[in-house]
Amino acid sequence: MFSFQVFDHTIPRGFQNRFSTQYRCYSVSMLAGPNDRSDVEKGGKIIMPPSALDQLSRLNITYPMLFKLTNKNSDRMTHCGVLEFVADEGICYLPHWMMQNLLLEEGGLVQVESVNLMVATYSKFQPQSPDFLDITNPKAVLENALRNFACLTTGDVIAINYNEKIYELRVMETKPDKAVSIIECDMNVDFDAPLGYKEPERRPQYHEEPAEEEADPSSYADMDTGFRAFTGSGNRLDGKTKGIEPSPAPLTASDIKRGIPNYDFKVGKITFIRNSRPQPRKILDDDDAMNRFIAFSGQGQSLRKKGHKP
């Protein structure tokens, strides 16, 4: 009799639940069909063929389905979710920004592997243009846009659509891992300074007033200097003109007649002074004084004359 010993080689569980295959990738614009699939461009999910769904259901993988995409030619990788299983066999459709991150061209080969990612707790983004600062509430806009994403990978440049404009943001940091799942998570979001942003120059609030420069005395010639004592010329009894030229003292800033300040000035009130000199009162003539109307200054008349008896 012969005895045979059979060796049972058990396959590790990790390999049983792993999905790994290669597809030809195309952008969503190449997807055939009457319906507009621009919604795929607004998120981070791909479209795979129906055979992938059949194979994934047999592997008993964990949900939600998350995948790792790798371009072996450029050694680039990213992570994504799946939106539908309606692509042609051997083909998958990717958002345009995802193909740019992987450096893939139309019809390039991409390796698709199923993965399990940790739930995100923190992420930091850097806008690629200062135009992102024009958004009133950027955190709310980003939160609404990330609903179309399944996961984030550090180093990726994602694209979001807001108000008919595409904004690109680089994923600077993610916690607790470099690739995280953002499905049903409580994640803190932070922003870095946009690429090309320059801080505005801050001007000091208090300016030092420059010292008042002394004016040239020659510029005082056209100003009203007012009365100055001992500035005239003299005469000699002998008729000679020697030594009678005036030698006035040099003008100083205090000799210049300045305007009188308005001490009744009030903040917020503008006063237009048409004539700063007070007008002299007009002396009324006697005729004008007589012709002036004075109330209750007339004489009354009585029907009964005084001095006559009836």
Protein backbone atom coordinates (compact mmCIF):
# COMPACT_ATOMS: atom_id res chain seq x y z
CA MET A 1 0.00 0.00 0.00
CA PHE A 2 1.08 3.45 -0.75
CA SER A 3 0.26 6.45 1.36
CA PHE A 4 0.13 9.94 -0.07
CA GLN A 5 0.56 13.06 1.97
CA VAL A 6 -1.38 16.03 0.64
CA PHE A 7 -0.11 19.52 1.51
CA ASP A 8 -2.85 22.06 1.87
CA HIS A 9 -1.42 25.42 0.85
CA THR A 10 -3.76 28.02 2.29
CA ILE A 11 -3.98 31.32 0.49
CA PRO A 12 -3.69 34.38 2.73
CA ARG A 13 -6.91 36.27 3.25
CA GLY A 14 -5.36 39.52 2.09
CA PHE A 15 -4.80 38.13 -1.39
CA GLN A 16 -8.33 36.72 -1.61
CA ASN A 17 -9.95 40.12 -1.10
CA ARG A 18 -7.64 42.04 -3.40
CA PHE A 19 -8.75 43.40 -6.75
CA SER A 20 -5.97 44.29 -9.20
CA THR A 21 -6.19 44.78 -12.97
CA GLN A 22 -5.15 47.10 -15.79
CA TYR A 23 -7.39 49.29 -17.93
CA ARG A 24 -7.08 51.66 -20.81
CA CYS A 25 -8.05 55.04 -19.41
CA TYR A 26 -9.87 57.86 -21.18
CA SER A 27 -11.28 61.18 -20.10
CA VAL A 28 -15.01 61.52 -19.46
CA SER A 29 -15.47 63.52 -22.67
CA MET A 30 -14.73 60.30 -24.59
CA LEU A 31 -17.61 58.46 -22.91
CA ALA A 32 -20.20 57.49 -25.52
CA GLY A 33 -23.85 58.18 -24.83
CA PRO A 34 -26.52 60.86 -25.19
CA ASN A 35 -26.32 61.96 -21.56
CA ASP A 36 -23.93 64.66 -20.41
CA ARG A 37 -21.55 63.20 -17.81
CA SER A 38 -19.94 66.46 -16.69
CA ASP A 39 -20.75 65.45 -13.12
CA VAL A 40 -17.79 63.03 -13.25
CA GLU A 41 -15.42 65.95 -13.84
CA LYS A 42 -16.66 67.63 -10.64
CA GLY A 43 -15.54 64.83 -8.34
CA GLY A 44 -12.98 62.16 -7.62
CA LYS A 45 -14.72 59.01 -8.83
CA ILE A 46 -14.20 56.89 -11.94
CA ILE A 47 -16.39 54.76 -14.24
CA MET A 48 -15.42 51.07 -14.56
CA PRO A 49 -16.70 48.18 -16.74
CA PRO A 50 -19.43 45.77 -15.50
CA SER A 51 -16.95 42.88 -15.27
CA ALA A 52 -15.18 44.74 -12.46
CA LEU A 53 -18.39 44.76 -10.42
CA ASP A 54 -18.81 41.02 -10.94
CA GLN A 55 -15.26 40.33 -9.81
CA LEU A 56 -15.49 42.71 -6.83
CA SER A 57 -18.69 41.10 -5.58
CA ARG A 58 -16.99 37.70 -5.52
CA LEU A 59 -13.99 38.98 -3.59
CA ASN A 60 -16.15 40.10 -0.67
CA ILE A 61 -14.27 43.39 -0.29
CA THR A 62 -15.13 46.08 2.23
CA TYR A 63 -17.37 49.00 1.37
CA PRO A 64 -17.18 51.74 0.28
CA MET A 65 -15.12 50.62 -2.68
CA LEU A 66 -11.86 52.58 -2.85
CA PHE A 67 -9.13 52.09 -5.41
CA LYS A 68 -5.49 52.95 -5.91
CA LEU A 69 -4.57 54.12 -9.41
CA THR A 70 -0.94 53.80 -10.50
CA ASN A 71 0.85 54.85 -13.65
CA LYS A 72 3.85 52.53 -13.73
CA ASN A 73 5.54 54.51 -16.50
CA SER A 74 5.76 57.72 -14.45
CA ASP A 75 5.56 56.16 -10.96
CA ARG A 76 2.57 58.36 -10.14
CA MET A 77 -0.29 57.21 -7.95
CA THR A 78 -3.56 58.51 -6.55
CA HIS A 79 -6.75 57.18 -4.94
CA CYS A 80 -10.38 57.36 -6.00
CA GLY A 81 -13.85 55.90 -5.65
CA VAL A 82 -16.15 54.38 -8.26
CA LEU A 83 -19.28 56.09 -9.56
CA GLU A 84 -20.75 53.55 -11.99
CA PHE A 85 -19.95 50.26 -13.81
CA VAL A 86 -21.09 51.18 -17.33
CA ALA A 87 -17.81 51.50 -19.25
CA ASP A 88 -16.80 49.25 -22.09
CA GLU A 89 -14.76 46.19 -21.22
CA GLY A 90 -11.09 46.91 -20.72
CA ILE A 91 -11.71 50.68 -20.41
CA CYS A 92 -12.20 53.05 -17.49
CA TYR A 93 -13.05 56.75 -17.55
CA LEU A 94 -11.25 59.25 -15.29
CA PRO A 95 -11.74 62.96 -14.54
CA HIS A 96 -9.38 65.19 -16.46
CA TRP A 97 -7.59 66.50 -13.34
CA MET A 98 -6.90 62.91 -12.23
CA MET A 99 -5.30 62.07 -15.57
CA GLN A 100 -3.10 65.15 -15.23
CA ASN A 101 -1.90 64.05 -11.78
CA LEU A 102 -1.04 60.60 -13.14
CA LEU A 103 0.58 62.05 -16.30
CA LEU A 104 -1.67 59.85 -18.42
CA GLU A 105 -2.70 60.41 -22.02
CA GLU A 106 -5.81 59.17 -23.79
CA GLY A 107 -5.60 55.39 -24.04
CA GLY A 108 -2.80 55.00 -21.51
CA LEU A 109 -2.54 52.01 -19.19
CA VAL A 110 -3.43 52.44 -15.52
CA GLN A 111 -3.21 49.86 -12.72
CA VAL A 112 -6.36 49.70 -10.56
CA GLU A 113 -6.15 48.06 -7.13
CA SER A 114 -8.67 47.88 -4.32
CA VAL A 115 -7.52 49.40 -1.00
CA ASN A 116 -8.77 50.19 2.50
CA LEU A 117 -8.10 53.73 3.71
CA MET A 118 -8.35 55.33 7.13
CA VAL A 119 -10.99 57.96 7.79
CA ALA A 120 -9.72 61.54 7.47
CA THR A 121 -9.48 63.83 10.48
CA TYR A 122 -7.53 66.78 9.01
CA SER A 123 -6.62 68.13 5.59
CA LYS A 124 -4.83 71.23 4.32
CA PHE A 125 -5.25 72.76 0.87
CA GLN A 126 -3.35 75.36 -1.12
CA PRO A 127 -5.28 77.21 -3.85
CA GLN A 128 -3.31 77.40 -7.08
CA SER A 129 -4.58 80.90 -7.88
CA PRO A 130 -5.27 84.05 -5.80
CA ASP A 131 -8.73 84.16 -7.41
CA PHE A 132 -9.85 81.63 -4.80
CA LEU A 133 -9.77 84.47 -2.24
CA ASP A 134 -12.68 86.14 -4.06
CA ILE A 135 -15.03 83.45 -2.73
CA THR A 136 -17.00 84.72 0.24
CA ASN A 137 -17.04 81.46 2.22
CA PRO A 138 -14.33 79.14 0.83
CA LYS A 139 -14.76 76.45 3.49
CA ALA A 140 -18.45 76.03 2.70
CA VAL A 141 -17.71 75.89 -1.03
CA LEU A 142 -15.00 73.27 -0.51
CA GLU A 143 -17.21 71.21 1.80
CA ASN A 144 -19.95 71.13 -0.82
CA ALA A 145 -17.49 70.17 -3.57
CA LEU A 146 -15.87 67.36 -1.53
CA ARG A 147 -19.20 65.53 -1.40
CA ASN A 148 -18.38 64.26 -4.89
CA PHE A 149 -15.02 62.87 -3.70
CA ALA A 150 -14.38 59.57 -1.95
CA CYS A 151 -10.79 60.04 -0.81
CA LEU A 152 -7.84 62.44 -0.81
CA THR A 153 -4.16 61.85 -1.53
CA THR A 154 -1.35 64.14 -0.37
CA GLY A 155 0.27 65.87 -3.35
CA ASP A 156 -2.76 65.70 -5.68
CA VAL A 157 -4.15 68.81 -7.35
CA ILE A 158 -7.93 68.51 -7.31
CA ALA A 159 -10.35 70.66 -9.29
CA ILE A 160 -13.65 72.02 -8.02
CA ASN A 161 -16.32 73.86 -9.97
CA TYR A 162 -17.94 76.91 -8.40
CA ASN A 163 -19.98 79.64 -10.06
CA GLU A 164 -19.07 78.33 -13.55
CA LYS A 165 -15.34 78.58 -12.80
CA ILE A 166 -12.75 75.88 -12.14
CA TYR A 167 -10.55 76.28 -9.06
CA GLU A 168 -7.54 74.03 -8.50
CA LEU A 169 -6.33 73.16 -5.01
CA ARG A 170 -3.28 71.15 -4.00
CA VAL A 171 -3.66 68.71 -1.12
CA MET A 172 -0.76 69.76 1.12
CA GLU A 173 -1.43 67.47 4.10
CA THR A 174 -3.84 64.80 5.24
CA LYS A 175 -4.19 63.04 8.58
CA PRO A 176 -3.87 60.36 9.87
CA ASP A 177 -2.29 59.06 6.64
CA LYS A 178 -1.12 60.34 3.26
CA ALA A 179 -4.22 58.83 1.66
CA VAL A 180 -7.52 59.05 3.55
CA SER A 181 -11.20 58.37 3.03
CA ILE A 182 -13.57 61.35 3.37
CA ILE A 183 -16.87 59.46 3.23
CA GLU A 184 -18.99 60.21 6.31
CA CYS A 185 -16.16 61.79 8.29
CA ASP A 186 -15.66 64.78 10.58
CA MET A 187 -12.64 66.49 9.02
CA ASN A 188 -10.98 69.77 9.95
CA VAL A 189 -10.05 71.84 6.89
CA ASP A 190 -7.29 74.43 6.70
CA PHE A 191 -5.96 76.62 3.88
CA ASP A 192 -2.46 77.66 2.97
CA ALA A 193 -1.63 80.93 1.21
CA PRO A 194 -2.57 80.74 -2.49
CA LEU A 195 0.16 80.20 -5.04
CA GLY A 196 1.46 83.59 -6.19
CA TYR A 197 -0.27 85.50 -3.37
CA LYS A 198 1.49 88.60 -2.04
CA GLU A 199 0.76 90.17 1.32
CA PRO A 200 -0.57 93.74 1.01
CA GLU A 201 1.78 96.42 2.25
CA ARG A 202 0.77 97.67 5.65
CA ARG A 203 0.99 101.39 6.12
CA PRO A 204 1.69 102.81 9.58
CA GLN A 205 -1.36 104.27 11.24
CA TYR A 206 0.49 107.21 12.76
CA HIS A 207 2.56 109.38 10.46
CA GLU A 208 5.25 111.59 11.87
CA GLU A 209 4.66 115.16 10.81
CA PRO A 210 7.71 116.60 9.07
CA ALA A 211 9.37 119.55 10.74
CA GLU A 212 8.24 122.86 9.37
CA GLU A 213 10.92 124.25 7.12
CA GLU A 214 11.87 127.86 7.47
CA ALA A 215 10.63 129.83 4.50
CA ASP A 216 12.85 132.08 2.44
CA PRO A 217 12.42 135.72 3.60
CA SER A 218 12.41 136.81 -0.04
CA SER A 219 9.07 135.03 -0.48
CA TYR A 220 7.48 137.36 2.07
CA ALA A 221 7.53 140.30 -0.33
CA ASP A 222 4.06 139.66 -1.68
CA MET A 223 2.56 138.95 1.73
CA ASP A 224 0.77 141.39 3.96
CA THR A 225 3.32 142.06 6.68
CA GLY A 226 1.27 144.76 8.45
CA PHE A 227 2.86 147.65 10.31
CA ARG A 228 6.59 147.53 11.07
CA ALA A 229 8.17 150.29 13.14
CA PHE A 230 11.31 152.16 12.03
CA THR A 231 11.31 150.86 8.51
CA GLY A 232 10.97 154.18 6.63
CA SER A 233 13.65 156.51 5.20
CA GLY A 234 14.90 159.76 6.83
CA ASN A 235 15.82 163.28 5.61
CA ARG A 236 18.81 165.43 6.52
CA LEU A 237 18.74 169.20 7.14
CA ASP A 238 21.80 169.77 4.98
CA GLY A 239 20.14 168.08 2.01
CA LYS A 240 22.64 165.28 1.75
CA THR A 241 21.40 161.78 1.03
CA LYS A 242 24.25 159.89 2.60
CA GLY A 243 23.25 157.57 5.40
CA ILE A 244 19.50 157.99 4.98
CA GLU A 245 18.86 154.72 3.20
CA PRO A 246 16.58 152.51 5.29
CA SER A 247 18.10 149.40 6.77
CA PRO A 248 15.13 147.41 8.05
CA ALA A 249 15.60 144.36 10.17
CA PRO A 250 15.24 141.04 8.32
CA LEU A 251 11.77 139.55 8.23
CA THR A 252 10.97 136.58 10.42
CA ALA A 253 8.09 134.15 10.37
CA SER A 254 6.46 135.97 13.29
CA ASP A 255 6.27 139.21 11.29
CA ILE A 256 3.96 137.70 8.70
CA LYS A 257 0.31 138.55 9.22
CA ARG A 258 -1.59 135.33 9.47
CA GLY A 259 -5.29 134.74 9.13
CA ILE A 260 -7.51 134.76 12.17
CA PRO A 261 -8.69 131.24 13.06
CA ASN A 262 -12.37 130.48 13.33
CA TYR A 263 -12.82 129.66 16.99
CA ASP A 264 -16.49 128.77 16.41
CA PHE A 265 -15.57 125.90 14.10
CA LYS A 266 -17.52 122.68 14.67
CA VAL A 267 -16.62 119.27 13.32
CA GLY A 268 -18.86 118.33 10.39
CA LYS A 269 -19.90 121.91 9.64
CA ILE A 270 -18.59 123.93 6.69
CA THR A 271 -18.79 127.72 6.81
CA PHE A 272 -18.37 129.80 3.69
CA ILE A 273 -17.15 133.32 4.55
CA ARG A 274 -17.88 135.58 1.64
CA ASN A 275 -16.31 138.67 3.16
CA SER A 276 -14.12 138.45 6.21
CA ARG A 277 -14.19 142.20 6.91
CA PRO A 278 -17.17 143.48 8.91
CA GLN A 279 -19.40 145.78 6.94
CA PRO A 280 -19.82 149.32 8.41
CA ARG A 281 -23.29 150.22 9.52
CA LYS A 282 -25.10 152.55 7.18
CA ILE A 283 -26.07 155.88 8.69
CA LEU A 284 -29.66 156.47 7.89
CA ASP A 285 -30.65 159.91 6.69
CA ASP A 286 -33.30 161.91 8.44
CA ASP A 287 -35.69 161.41 5.54
CA ASP A 288 -35.16 157.71 5.69
CA ALA A 289 -35.70 157.77 9.43
CA MET A 290 -38.98 159.61 8.97
CA ASN A 291 -40.16 157.27 6.28
CA ARG A 292 -39.50 154.22 8.33
CA PHE A 293 -42.64 152.43 9.42
CA ILE A 294 -43.16 152.25 13.17
CA ALA A 295 -46.08 150.20 14.40
CA PHE A 296 -48.72 151.92 16.57
CA SER A 297 -47.10 155.32 16.18
CA GLY A 298 -49.99 157.15 14.37
CA GLN A 299 -52.49 159.61 15.83
CA GLY A 300 -56.09 158.72 16.34
CA GLN A 301 -59.21 160.88 15.65
CA SER A 302 -62.38 161.25 17.66
CA LEU A 303 -65.89 162.03 16.41
CA ARG A 304 -66.47 164.29 19.37
CA LYS A 305 -64.36 167.34 19.12
CA LYS A 306 -62.85 168.65 22.24
CA GLY A 307 -63.97 172.09 23.57
CA HIS A 308 -67.48 172.05 21.98
CA LYS A 309 -70.55 171.33 24.04
CA PRO A 310 -73.60 169.78 22.45
